[in-house]
């Protein structure tokens, strides 16, 4: 019998060759770590549904960020947990809100840290929805003014980038106009452009205390079966001035990440969300999966699909694995 002339295994045989011809690499510069900040002092409250993730008071936040920087993680996104909530989420855009204080302290202590802020009302409203509510209807246009106020307040505190996650129509334009009018034309916007009404957000809602008190978010977040609609959402956000667009969640929507990258070839983020994190954690704790290898495959798959940056709760672990030479190759 004849033998194959073409043998792809030749370049897989040795580790040096595998490294030499590796097509996709995940680096620490690709990762943004989501963090939850809460009022008070000496608070490090574990999120039961997210092992290794905490609600942190500012003193603990500063300490953990120092450790992140030492590990090589230089970018975070902040979510706030306020002392009080109301129908309009007013604590989210007040000058001395929990995120505003955290941003100011972080940028003062660690000026080279890149701080992104989530711009949404859901963490601050007593009804848990991302917009102004009338009856059981989420009102689009009145919400835009509040989101713009929040974005400006974050920029005034020193945020490097604002990230609207609400999925209201026209919010990128409203935020861009407000930032420009207040002298923040250099502050970029990372828009949650294709944010699906997903079942993978449950642990995040535990962490942020943002579960809706009635109904759900399907009237403003995207319907999971839809793909073409994602492209229309991305196109609109780019036209309105988004500098970076995002697909969320990541793993069930790798096809959307790829379509967005192929269609627009623009800076693209993907959110490796709380439910994706928790599933891997739970399986690893039971010995059903080898955590490092599965995390590596998941993040590499997201990057290979076309994401430039990945928001992930695994960022500190990945940094530790890399530092100790235990990141799979």
Foldseek 3Di string as FASTA:
>chain_A
DDDDPDDPCVQVVDPVSCVVPPDFDDDLVQEAEEAEEEDDPPDWADLVLFPPHTHYYLVVVLVVVVVCVVLPNQHYEYAYAFPAAAQALVLLQDLPHRLLVNLLVCCVVPVRRAYEYEQFRLLHHPQLARAHDDPNDGDQPVRLVVSLSNLCSNVVSPHQEYEYERQRPPNLLSNCVSCVVVPNNVHAYEYQQQAAQDPQAVSVCSRSVRAGNDDGNPVRHDHVVDQVVSLVSVVRNVVSGHQEYEYPAQPVVLVNLLVNCVVPVGAYEHEVHRSNSSVLVVCVVVVNDDNLVVVLVRVRSSVVSPHSHYYDNCSVVCSVCVVVVNRDD
